[in-house]
Amino acid sequence: YSKYKLHQDLFNLRNFYYNHGYLQFRILSKKVIVTDDHKNVYIWVTVHEGPKFHVSSFKLVGRGASDPHVQGLVTVKAGQVFSRKQVMDMNNTIARFYADHGFAFPKIKAIPNLNTASHTVAIKLLVDPGKRVYVRKIIIAGNRRTKDSVLRNQIRQYEGSVYALDKIDESKRRLANLPYLRNITIQTMPVPGIPNLVDLYVHA
């Protein structure tokens, strides 16, 4: 028996129900009883499932709502069973699209409106790409085994160019392929007072 594993199991149980439309699911109680010989544990979990909710409508709002590329990334449709995982995955996909095209800090937020009488949920997805961002400097830290120039040759994101997360990820992959580097991290840090500039800190 592990208290941590039980907590994780209950978390997974909630996610299972939320991902299958049960938006009013609740865990009413849990009881853990150890046998007298301390060799076994009995666990009772009492839940309230509630009704299954379907999506009544879905609407994009905000500055990015009219972007046809974003519209093509929408996977939630009216009439289907609500899935929190599907909404979150869609949010992440749209955020990733913007991050690959110069918008380092997009704001993507789902706003659900539940109708408990009809067991439906109307969803608005707020899409705000923010400002297009450029990389001011790339700073390499932690490397003591080779020259910075060797590492910079592997970096696909360039100073002075538009921020692109796919190029940053490719840079990280190429750096990780070098035999003498471990635990590569690349942090994006806003430049104070200049909202459209960031610095990249490469820890190698």
Protein backbone atom coordinates (compact mmCIF):
# COMPACT_ATOMS: atom_id res chain seq x y z
CA TYR A 1 0.00 0.00 0.00
CA SER A 2 1.19 3.49 -0.87
CA LYS A 3 -0.67 6.64 0.06
CA TYR A 4 1.00 8.41 -2.87
CA LYS A 5 -0.14 5.72 -5.34
CA LEU A 6 -3.70 5.90 -4.01
CA HIS A 7 -3.67 9.66 -4.48
CA GLN A 8 -2.41 9.16 -8.05
CA ASP A 9 -5.07 6.53 -8.72
CA LEU A 10 -7.83 8.89 -7.57
CA PHE A 11 -6.37 11.63 -9.78
CA ASN A 12 -6.41 9.23 -12.75
CA LEU A 13 -9.98 8.22 -11.89
CA ARG A 14 -11.13 11.85 -11.99
CA ASN A 15 -9.40 12.36 -15.32
CA PHE A 16 -11.03 9.25 -16.75
CA TYR A 17 -14.50 10.55 -15.93
CA TYR A 18 -13.76 14.13 -17.05
CA ASN A 19 -12.45 12.76 -20.34
CA HIS A 20 -15.68 10.82 -20.90
CA GLY A 21 -18.15 13.62 -20.33
CA TYR A 22 -18.87 13.32 -16.60
CA LEU A 23 -18.20 16.93 -15.65
CA GLN A 24 -20.01 16.69 -12.32
CA PHE A 25 -18.10 13.64 -11.17
CA ARG A 26 -17.08 13.72 -7.51
CA ILE A 27 -15.30 11.42 -5.10
CA LEU A 28 -17.60 11.36 -2.09
CA SER A 29 -15.38 9.42 0.27
CA LYS A 30 -12.47 7.04 0.54
CA LYS A 31 -11.71 4.60 3.32
CA VAL A 32 -8.52 2.65 3.95
CA ILE A 33 -8.59 -0.20 6.48
CA VAL A 34 -5.57 -2.27 7.44
CA THR A 35 -6.23 -5.86 8.53
CA ASP A 36 -5.36 -6.93 12.07
CA ASP A 37 -2.30 -8.81 10.90
CA HIS A 38 -1.09 -5.72 9.00
CA LYS A 39 -0.62 -7.78 5.84
CA ASN A 40 -3.48 -6.49 3.75
CA VAL A 41 -5.34 -3.27 3.07
CA TYR A 42 -8.97 -2.79 2.04
CA ILE A 43 -9.80 0.36 0.09
CA TRP A 44 -13.34 1.68 -0.46
CA VAL A 45 -13.95 4.59 -2.78
CA THR A 46 -17.46 6.04 -3.13
CA VAL A 47 -18.10 8.19 -6.19
CA HIS A 48 -20.86 10.23 -7.76
CA GLU A 49 -20.72 9.95 -11.54
CA GLY A 50 -23.42 12.42 -12.48
CA PRO A 51 -24.81 12.78 -16.02
CA LYS A 52 -22.78 12.63 -19.19
CA PHE A 53 -22.32 16.01 -20.90
CA HIS A 54 -22.21 16.65 -24.64
CA VAL A 55 -20.80 19.67 -26.46
CA SER A 56 -23.65 21.96 -27.53
CA SER A 57 -21.47 24.50 -29.35
CA PHE A 58 -17.87 25.50 -29.90
CA LYS A 59 -16.66 28.97 -30.81
CA LEU A 60 -13.26 30.57 -31.35
CA VAL A 61 -12.93 34.09 -29.96
CA GLY A 62 -10.06 36.56 -29.68
CA ARG A 63 -7.41 37.94 -32.04
CA GLY A 64 -6.58 34.56 -33.53
CA ALA A 65 -10.15 33.39 -34.10
CA SER A 66 -10.19 34.24 -37.82
CA ASP A 67 -6.85 32.57 -38.60
CA PRO A 68 -7.61 29.69 -41.01
CA HIS A 69 -4.61 27.73 -39.72
CA VAL A 70 -6.00 27.86 -36.19
CA GLN A 71 -9.48 26.96 -37.40
CA GLY A 72 -7.98 23.89 -39.04
CA LEU A 73 -6.58 22.77 -35.67
CA VAL A 74 -10.00 22.68 -34.00
CA THR A 75 -10.98 19.12 -33.13
CA VAL A 76 -13.94 19.70 -30.80
CA LYS A 77 -17.32 19.51 -32.54
CA ALA A 78 -20.88 20.15 -31.40
CA GLY A 79 -22.76 16.97 -30.52
CA GLN A 80 -19.81 14.92 -29.30
CA VAL A 81 -19.19 13.78 -25.75
CA PHE A 82 -17.11 16.34 -23.87
CA SER A 83 -13.50 15.34 -23.19
CA ARG A 84 -11.24 17.53 -21.11
CA LYS A 85 -8.18 15.79 -22.55
CA GLN A 86 -9.30 16.55 -26.09
CA VAL A 87 -9.77 20.24 -25.22
CA MET A 88 -6.38 20.42 -23.51
CA ASP A 89 -4.64 18.65 -26.39
CA MET A 90 -6.24 21.08 -28.83
CA ASN A 91 -5.15 24.04 -26.70
CA ASN A 92 -1.58 22.74 -26.67
CA THR A 93 -1.59 22.15 -30.44
CA ILE A 94 -2.75 25.71 -31.14
CA ALA A 95 -0.24 27.14 -28.66
CA ARG A 96 2.48 25.08 -30.32
CA PHE A 97 1.49 26.38 -33.75
CA TYR A 98 1.95 29.96 -32.59
CA ALA A 99 5.19 29.18 -30.76
CA ASP A 100 6.61 27.72 -33.97
CA HIS A 101 5.77 30.95 -35.82
CA GLY A 102 7.24 33.62 -33.60
CA PHE A 103 4.72 33.97 -30.80
CA ALA A 104 6.55 32.79 -27.70
CA PHE A 105 3.78 33.51 -25.19
CA PRO A 106 0.37 32.77 -26.73
CA LYS A 107 -2.68 32.71 -24.47
CA ILE A 108 -5.07 29.86 -25.24
CA LYS A 109 -7.93 29.42 -22.78
CA ALA A 110 -11.04 27.26 -22.94
CA ILE A 111 -14.12 28.78 -21.29
CA PRO A 112 -16.84 26.14 -20.68
CA ASN A 113 -20.44 27.05 -19.89
CA LEU A 114 -22.39 24.13 -18.41
CA ASN A 115 -26.13 23.70 -18.85
CA THR A 116 -27.07 21.32 -16.06
CA ALA A 117 -30.67 21.01 -17.28
CA SER A 118 -29.76 19.74 -20.76
CA HIS A 119 -26.45 18.16 -19.73
CA THR A 120 -24.57 20.10 -22.36
CA VAL A 121 -21.56 22.40 -22.36
CA ALA A 122 -20.92 25.37 -24.65
CA ILE A 123 -17.23 26.05 -25.16
CA LYS A 124 -15.52 29.27 -26.12
CA LEU A 125 -11.82 29.08 -26.91
CA LEU A 126 -10.01 32.36 -26.36
CA VAL A 127 -7.06 32.62 -28.76
CA ASP A 128 -4.58 35.46 -28.33
CA PRO A 129 -1.20 34.92 -30.02
CA GLY A 130 0.34 37.92 -28.27
CA LYS A 131 3.25 39.79 -29.81
CA ARG A 132 5.65 38.36 -32.36
CA VAL A 133 8.94 37.84 -30.56
CA TYR A 134 12.57 37.98 -31.70
CA VAL A 135 15.62 36.38 -30.10
CA ARG A 136 18.06 39.02 -28.88
CA LYS A 137 20.85 36.84 -27.51
CA ILE A 138 21.67 33.18 -27.05
CA ILE A 139 23.66 32.62 -23.87
CA ILE A 140 25.46 29.31 -23.31
CA ALA A 141 26.23 28.31 -19.73
CA GLY A 142 27.62 25.24 -17.99
CA ASN A 143 29.79 24.07 -20.86
CA ARG A 144 33.45 23.58 -19.91
CA ARG A 145 34.44 20.85 -22.32
CA THR A 146 34.50 22.63 -25.63
CA LYS A 147 34.33 26.03 -27.29
CA ASP A 148 31.02 27.85 -27.53
CA SER A 149 31.44 28.02 -31.29
CA VAL A 150 31.16 24.23 -31.51
CA LEU A 151 27.83 24.33 -29.70
CA ARG A 152 26.54 27.33 -31.62
CA ASN A 153 27.09 25.42 -34.86
CA GLN A 154 24.40 23.01 -33.69
CA ILE A 155 21.85 25.69 -32.79
CA ARG A 156 19.19 26.24 -35.48
CA GLN A 157 17.60 29.26 -33.79
CA TYR A 158 19.61 32.38 -34.63
CA GLU A 159 20.12 35.62 -32.78
CA GLY A 160 18.14 38.48 -34.30
CA SER A 161 15.63 36.17 -35.97
CA VAL A 162 11.99 35.40 -35.21
CA TYR A 163 11.48 33.06 -32.25
CA ALA A 164 10.60 29.53 -33.42
CA LEU A 165 10.02 26.74 -30.93
CA ASP A 166 10.49 24.02 -33.55
CA LYS A 167 13.98 25.37 -34.27
CA ILE A 168 14.74 25.52 -30.55
CA ASP A 169 13.65 21.90 -30.14
CA GLU A 170 15.79 20.89 -33.12
CA SER A 171 18.74 22.76 -31.57
CA LYS A 172 18.25 20.86 -28.33
CA ARG A 173 18.12 17.55 -30.20
CA ARG A 174 21.34 18.31 -32.11
CA LEU A 175 23.14 19.37 -28.93
CA ALA A 176 22.02 16.20 -27.17
CA ASN A 177 23.59 14.13 -29.96
CA LEU A 178 27.03 15.47 -29.05
CA PRO A 179 28.78 12.74 -27.03
CA TYR A 180 30.08 15.02 -24.27
CA LEU A 181 26.85 16.82 -23.30
CA ARG A 182 24.11 15.73 -20.93
CA ASN A 183 20.85 17.21 -19.63
CA ILE A 184 20.46 19.97 -22.21
CA THR A 185 17.94 22.67 -21.28
CA ILE A 186 16.99 25.83 -23.17
CA GLN A 187 15.10 28.52 -21.26
CA THR A 188 13.24 31.40 -22.87
CA MET A 189 13.54 34.58 -20.82
CA PRO A 190 11.75 37.85 -21.68
CA VAL A 191 13.98 40.91 -21.95
CA PRO A 192 12.85 43.35 -19.22
CA GLY A 193 11.11 46.39 -20.65
CA ILE A 194 11.13 45.11 -24.25
CA PRO A 195 8.04 42.93 -24.80
CA ASN A 196 9.02 41.67 -28.26
CA LEU A 197 12.50 40.39 -27.34
CA VAL A 198 13.66 37.28 -25.51
CA ASP A 199 17.01 35.77 -24.60
CA LEU A 200 17.69 32.04 -24.79
CA TYR A 201 19.75 30.46 -22.00
CA VAL A 202 21.30 27.20 -23.11
CA HIS A 203 22.51 25.04 -20.21
CA ALA A 204 24.77 22.29 -21.50
